[in-house]
Amino acid sequence: MDMQMPEMDVLAATRTIRASGGAWAEIPIIALTADASPERRRFYQGVGLTDFMTKPIDQAELAAKLASIREGGEGPPVAASDRLP
């Protein structure tokens, strides 16, 4: 998710998802931001994100993060009937 989405930023969205309970509360969330300052990185660590990346996105880094999430088993198994549209 992008840090600055319209209507609800990633911090509010993450808090809402994590508080929702059920399988979706554990879904991995990677935030995307242009702000890479050390202060912001520390701030982002406490909001329930799985990880975050700075823009522009490095495709190899993103692939590695996704592979790590998949291998680590983070997030719930999602049945086809439960997938988001």
N, C-alpha and C. Protein backbone atom coordinates (compact mmCIF):
# COMPACT_ATOMS: atom_id res chain seq x y z
N MET A 1 0.84 -1.18 0.00
CA MET A 1 0.00 0.00 0.00
C MET A 1 0.89 1.24 0.00
N ASP A 2 0.41 2.26 -0.67
CA ASP A 2 1.12 3.53 -0.65
C ASP A 2 0.80 4.27 0.65
N MET A 3 1.80 4.91 1.22
CA MET A 3 1.62 5.62 2.49
C MET A 3 0.57 6.73 2.39
N GLN A 4 0.42 7.33 1.22
CA GLN A 4 -0.49 8.47 1.10
C GLN A 4 -1.63 8.17 0.14
N MET A 5 -2.47 7.25 0.53
CA MET A 5 -3.64 6.92 -0.27
C MET A 5 -4.74 7.94 0.01
N PRO A 6 -5.64 8.15 -0.95
CA PRO A 6 -6.75 9.07 -0.69
C PRO A 6 -7.73 8.46 0.32
N GLU A 7 -8.35 9.29 1.11
CA GLU A 7 -9.36 8.94 2.09
C GLU A 7 -8.82 8.25 3.34
N MET A 8 -7.93 7.27 3.19
CA MET A 8 -7.37 6.58 4.36
C MET A 8 -5.92 6.25 4.05
N ASP A 9 -5.00 6.78 4.86
CA ASP A 9 -3.58 6.48 4.61
C ASP A 9 -3.25 5.06 5.08
N VAL A 10 -2.06 4.61 4.77
CA VAL A 10 -1.69 3.23 5.09
C VAL A 10 -1.66 2.98 6.60
N LEU A 11 -1.35 3.99 7.38
CA LEU A 11 -1.33 3.79 8.83
C LEU A 11 -2.73 3.50 9.36
N ALA A 12 -3.70 4.29 8.93
CA ALA A 12 -5.09 4.05 9.35
C ALA A 12 -5.61 2.74 8.78
N ALA A 13 -5.28 2.45 7.53
CA ALA A 13 -5.73 1.20 6.92
C ALA A 13 -5.13 0.00 7.64
N THR A 14 -3.85 0.08 7.97
CA THR A 14 -3.19 -1.03 8.67
C THR A 14 -3.81 -1.24 10.04
N ARG A 15 -4.02 -0.16 10.77
CA ARG A 15 -4.64 -0.29 12.10
C ARG A 15 -6.04 -0.91 11.99
N THR A 16 -6.80 -0.50 10.98
CA THR A 16 -8.14 -1.05 10.78
C THR A 16 -8.08 -2.53 10.45
N ILE A 17 -7.19 -2.90 9.56
CA ILE A 17 -7.04 -4.32 9.17
C ILE A 17 -6.60 -5.15 10.35
N ARG A 18 -5.60 -4.70 11.10
CA ARG A 18 -5.09 -5.46 12.24
C ARG A 18 -6.15 -5.61 13.33
N ALA A 19 -7.02 -4.63 13.49
CA ALA A 19 -8.05 -4.68 14.53
C ALA A 19 -9.29 -5.45 14.09
N SER A 20 -9.35 -5.83 12.81
CA SER A 20 -10.57 -6.46 12.28
C SER A 20 -10.80 -7.88 12.77
N GLY A 21 -9.76 -8.53 13.25
CA GLY A 21 -9.90 -9.91 13.69
C GLY A 21 -9.99 -10.85 12.51
N GLY A 22 -9.99 -12.13 12.77
CA GLY A 22 -10.09 -13.11 11.70
C GLY A 22 -8.82 -13.22 10.88
N ALA A 23 -8.90 -13.97 9.80
CA ALA A 23 -7.73 -14.25 8.97
C ALA A 23 -7.14 -12.99 8.34
N TRP A 24 -7.98 -12.03 7.96
CA TRP A 24 -7.47 -10.83 7.29
C TRP A 24 -6.63 -9.97 8.21
N ALA A 25 -6.80 -10.08 9.51
CA ALA A 25 -6.03 -9.27 10.46
C ALA A 25 -4.53 -9.58 10.39
N GLU A 26 -4.19 -10.73 9.87
CA GLU A 26 -2.78 -11.15 9.80
C GLU A 26 -2.18 -11.04 8.41
N ILE A 27 -2.92 -10.49 7.45
CA ILE A 27 -2.41 -10.41 6.09
C ILE A 27 -1.15 -9.54 6.05
N PRO A 28 -0.14 -9.95 5.31
CA PRO A 28 1.08 -9.13 5.21
C PRO A 28 0.79 -7.79 4.52
N ILE A 29 1.37 -6.73 5.05
CA ILE A 29 1.21 -5.39 4.48
C ILE A 29 2.58 -4.77 4.31
N ILE A 30 2.91 -4.42 3.07
CA ILE A 30 4.15 -3.70 2.77
C ILE A 30 3.75 -2.30 2.36
N ALA A 31 4.26 -1.31 3.06
CA ALA A 31 3.96 0.09 2.76
C ALA A 31 5.02 0.66 1.82
N LEU A 32 4.60 1.54 0.94
CA LEU A 32 5.49 2.19 0.00
C LEU A 32 5.52 3.68 0.31
N THR A 33 6.73 4.25 0.41
CA THR A 33 6.85 5.66 0.76
C THR A 33 8.05 6.30 0.08
N ALA A 34 7.99 7.59 -0.12
CA ALA A 34 9.13 8.35 -0.63
C ALA A 34 9.98 8.89 0.52
N ASP A 35 9.47 8.81 1.75
CA ASP A 35 10.15 9.34 2.92
C ASP A 35 10.99 8.25 3.58
N ALA A 36 12.29 8.30 3.39
CA ALA A 36 13.18 7.26 3.91
C ALA A 36 13.98 7.73 5.12
N SER A 37 13.57 8.82 5.74
CA SER A 37 14.34 9.33 6.88
C SER A 37 14.34 8.32 8.03
N PRO A 38 15.43 8.29 8.80
CA PRO A 38 15.49 7.35 9.94
C PRO A 38 14.36 7.56 10.94
N GLU A 39 13.94 8.81 11.14
CA GLU A 39 12.85 9.08 12.08
C GLU A 39 11.55 8.44 11.61
N ARG A 40 11.24 8.58 10.33
CA ARG A 40 10.02 8.00 9.78
C ARG A 40 10.09 6.47 9.82
N ARG A 41 11.25 5.90 9.53
CA ARG A 41 11.40 4.44 9.58
C ARG A 41 11.06 3.93 10.99
N ARG A 42 11.57 4.60 12.01
CA ARG A 42 11.27 4.19 13.39
C ARG A 42 9.77 4.32 13.67
N PHE A 43 9.16 5.38 13.19
CA PHE A 43 7.73 5.59 13.39
C PHE A 43 6.92 4.47 12.74
N TYR A 44 7.28 4.11 11.51
CA TYR A 44 6.54 3.09 10.77
C TYR A 44 6.63 1.72 11.43
N GLN A 45 7.72 1.46 12.16
CA GLN A 45 7.92 0.13 12.75
C GLN A 45 6.87 -0.21 13.80
N GLY A 46 6.25 0.78 14.40
CA GLY A 46 5.31 0.50 15.48
C GLY A 46 3.85 0.44 15.08
N VAL A 47 3.53 0.44 13.80
CA VAL A 47 2.12 0.52 13.40
C VAL A 47 1.54 -0.79 12.88
N GLY A 48 2.32 -1.87 12.90
CA GLY A 48 1.77 -3.15 12.48
C GLY A 48 2.05 -3.53 11.04
N LEU A 49 2.91 -2.77 10.36
CA LEU A 49 3.28 -3.13 8.99
C LEU A 49 4.16 -4.36 8.99
N THR A 50 4.06 -5.17 7.96
CA THR A 50 4.95 -6.30 7.80
C THR A 50 6.33 -5.79 7.40
N ASP A 51 6.34 -4.80 6.52
CA ASP A 51 7.59 -4.22 6.02
C ASP A 51 7.25 -2.93 5.30
N PHE A 52 8.25 -2.19 4.90
CA PHE A 52 8.03 -1.03 4.06
C PHE A 52 9.23 -0.83 3.15
N MET A 53 8.97 -0.13 2.06
CA MET A 53 9.99 0.13 1.05
C MET A 53 9.91 1.59 0.63
N THR A 54 11.03 2.11 0.17
CA THR A 54 11.02 3.47 -0.35
C THR A 54 10.89 3.44 -1.86
N LYS A 55 10.30 4.53 -2.38
CA LYS A 55 10.14 4.68 -3.82
C LYS A 55 11.35 5.41 -4.37
N PRO A 56 11.75 5.17 -5.59
CA PRO A 56 11.14 4.23 -6.52
C PRO A 56 11.42 2.79 -6.08
N ILE A 57 10.48 1.92 -6.39
CA ILE A 57 10.55 0.53 -5.96
C ILE A 57 11.58 -0.23 -6.77
N ASP A 58 12.43 -0.95 -6.07
CA ASP A 58 13.40 -1.85 -6.71
C ASP A 58 12.70 -3.20 -6.85
N GLN A 59 12.48 -3.64 -8.09
CA GLN A 59 11.72 -4.87 -8.34
C GLN A 59 12.36 -6.09 -7.69
N ALA A 60 13.68 -6.16 -7.71
CA ALA A 60 14.36 -7.31 -7.10
C ALA A 60 14.16 -7.31 -5.58
N GLU A 61 14.23 -6.14 -4.97
CA GLU A 61 14.01 -6.03 -3.52
C GLU A 61 12.57 -6.43 -3.17
N LEU A 62 11.61 -5.96 -3.95
CA LEU A 62 10.21 -6.31 -3.71
C LEU A 62 10.01 -7.81 -3.86
N ALA A 63 10.58 -8.40 -4.89
CA ALA A 63 10.46 -9.85 -5.09
C ALA A 63 11.06 -10.61 -3.91
N ALA A 64 12.19 -10.13 -3.41
CA ALA A 64 12.83 -10.78 -2.26
C ALA A 64 11.96 -10.68 -1.01
N LYS A 65 11.36 -9.51 -0.79
CA LYS A 65 10.48 -9.34 0.38
C LYS A 65 9.26 -10.25 0.28
N LEU A 66 8.67 -10.32 -0.91
CA LEU A 66 7.49 -11.18 -1.11
C LEU A 66 7.86 -12.65 -0.92
N ALA A 67 9.03 -13.05 -1.42
CA ALA A 67 9.48 -14.44 -1.25
C ALA A 67 9.71 -14.75 0.23
N SER A 68 10.28 -13.79 0.94
CA SER A 68 10.52 -13.98 2.37
C SER A 68 9.21 -14.13 3.14
N ILE A 69 8.22 -13.33 2.80
CA ILE A 69 6.91 -13.45 3.43
C ILE A 69 6.31 -14.81 3.13
N ARG A 70 6.38 -15.23 1.87
CA ARG A 70 5.81 -16.52 1.47
C ARG A 70 6.52 -17.66 2.20
N GLU A 71 7.84 -17.63 2.25
CA GLU A 71 8.61 -18.70 2.89
C GLU A 71 8.42 -18.71 4.39
N GLY A 72 8.24 -17.53 4.98
CA GLY A 72 8.06 -17.43 6.42
C GLY A 72 6.67 -17.77 6.87
N GLY A 73 5.77 -17.95 5.91
CA GLY A 73 4.40 -18.30 6.26
C GLY A 73 3.62 -17.16 6.87
N GLU A 74 4.08 -15.91 6.68
CA GLU A 74 3.34 -14.78 7.25
C GLU A 74 2.02 -14.61 6.53
N GLY A 75 1.01 -14.30 7.28
CA GLY A 75 -0.31 -14.10 6.70
C GLY A 75 -1.09 -15.38 6.67
N PRO A 76 -2.40 -15.28 6.57
CA PRO A 76 -3.27 -16.45 6.61
C PRO A 76 -3.33 -17.16 5.27
N PRO A 77 -3.57 -18.46 5.28
CA PRO A 77 -3.89 -19.09 4.00
C PRO A 77 -5.24 -18.56 3.56
N VAL A 78 -5.37 -18.22 2.31
CA VAL A 78 -6.60 -17.63 1.81
C VAL A 78 -7.25 -18.56 0.80
N ALA A 79 -8.44 -19.02 1.14
CA ALA A 79 -9.18 -19.87 0.21
C ALA A 79 -9.66 -19.03 -0.97
N ALA A 80 -9.86 -19.66 -2.11
CA ALA A 80 -10.30 -18.93 -3.30
C ALA A 80 -11.57 -18.15 -3.03
N SER A 81 -12.46 -18.69 -2.21
CA SER A 81 -13.72 -18.01 -1.91
C SER A 81 -13.53 -16.79 -1.03
N ASP A 82 -12.37 -16.67 -0.36
CA ASP A 82 -12.10 -15.55 0.54
C ASP A 82 -11.28 -14.45 -0.09
N ARG A 83 -10.83 -14.62 -1.31
CA ARG A 83 -9.96 -13.62 -1.94
C ARG A 83 -10.71 -12.32 -2.16
N LEU A 84 -9.98 -11.23 -2.03
CA LEU A 84 -10.57 -9.92 -2.28
C LEU A 84 -10.87 -9.79 -3.77
N PRO A 85 -11.91 -9.06 -4.14
CA PRO A 85 -12.24 -8.90 -5.57
C PRO A 85 -11.19 -8.10 -6.30
